[in-house]
Amino acid sequence: MEPEKCPACGNENLKIHEQIAVGRIRSARTGKVLKDEGYLDTTCWNFFCKCGWVGETLTQ
């Protein structure tokens, strides 16, 4: 269930904080990222509002 507005203040412009898993290749010697292999999976996300309200964390 996605909230349509903030339950604390009624703001309809909520934001989503996502944590994603991304594949990448790094140099073992330097630690430099050599290649990002792109988006792989969203691990969890939550809604938040500028008033400070944060929704519960949802996982996939």
Protein backbone atom coordinates (compact mmCIF):
# COMPACT_ATOMS: atom_id res chain seq x y z
CA MET A 1 0.00 0.00 0.00
CA GLU A 2 1.48 3.33 -1.07
CA PRO A 3 0.48 6.41 0.90
CA GLU A 4 -1.09 9.15 -1.20
CA LYS A 5 -0.33 11.88 1.34
CA CYS A 6 1.53 12.34 4.60
CA PRO A 7 -0.60 11.15 7.54
CA ALA A 8 1.07 13.73 9.82
CA CYS A 9 0.66 16.95 7.78
CA GLY A 10 -1.35 16.05 4.65
CA ASN A 11 1.47 16.91 2.20
CA GLU A 12 0.89 15.16 -1.14
CA ASN A 13 4.53 15.48 -2.30
CA LEU A 14 6.10 12.50 -0.54
CA LYS A 15 9.58 11.27 -1.39
CA ILE A 16 10.87 7.70 -1.51
CA HIS A 17 14.22 6.61 -0.07
CA GLU A 18 15.42 3.46 -1.87
CA GLN A 19 18.31 1.15 -1.13
CA ILE A 20 19.44 -0.69 -4.22
CA ALA A 21 21.95 -3.42 -4.93
CA VAL A 22 24.24 -2.59 -7.85
CA GLY A 23 26.79 -4.86 -9.47
CA ARG A 24 30.23 -3.37 -9.99
CA ILE A 25 33.74 -4.42 -10.78
CA ARG A 26 36.56 -2.84 -8.72
CA SER A 27 40.32 -3.10 -8.89
CA ALA A 28 41.65 -5.23 -6.04
CA ARG A 29 44.86 -3.18 -6.00
CA THR A 30 43.52 0.40 -6.13
CA GLY A 31 39.87 0.01 -5.10
CA LYS A 32 38.84 2.08 -8.14
CA VAL A 33 35.49 1.22 -9.71
CA LEU A 34 36.21 -0.13 -13.18
CA LYS A 35 32.67 -0.88 -14.30
CA ASP A 36 29.15 -0.50 -12.94
CA GLU A 37 27.04 -3.31 -14.27
CA GLY A 38 23.83 -1.42 -13.70
CA TYR A 39 20.74 -1.67 -11.59
CA LEU A 40 20.17 -5.13 -10.15
CA ASP A 41 17.57 -5.01 -7.37
CA THR A 42 15.76 -2.75 -4.92
CA THR A 43 16.43 -4.15 -1.46
CA CYS A 44 14.15 -1.88 0.58
CA TRP A 45 12.43 1.51 0.48
CA ASN A 46 10.34 3.86 2.58
CA PHE A 47 8.31 7.03 2.12
CA PHE A 48 9.21 10.26 3.90
CA CYS A 49 7.96 13.84 4.13
CA LYS A 50 9.57 17.23 4.68
CA CYS A 51 7.69 17.52 8.02
CA GLY A 52 9.84 14.69 9.40
CA TRP A 53 7.36 11.82 9.05
CA VAL A 54 8.95 8.54 7.87
CA GLY A 55 6.86 5.56 6.83
CA GLU A 56 7.74 2.02 7.72
CA THR A 57 10.48 0.32 5.72
CA LEU A 58 9.20 -2.01 3.03
CA THR A 59 11.22 -4.88 1.60
CA GLN A 60 10.93 -6.80 -1.59
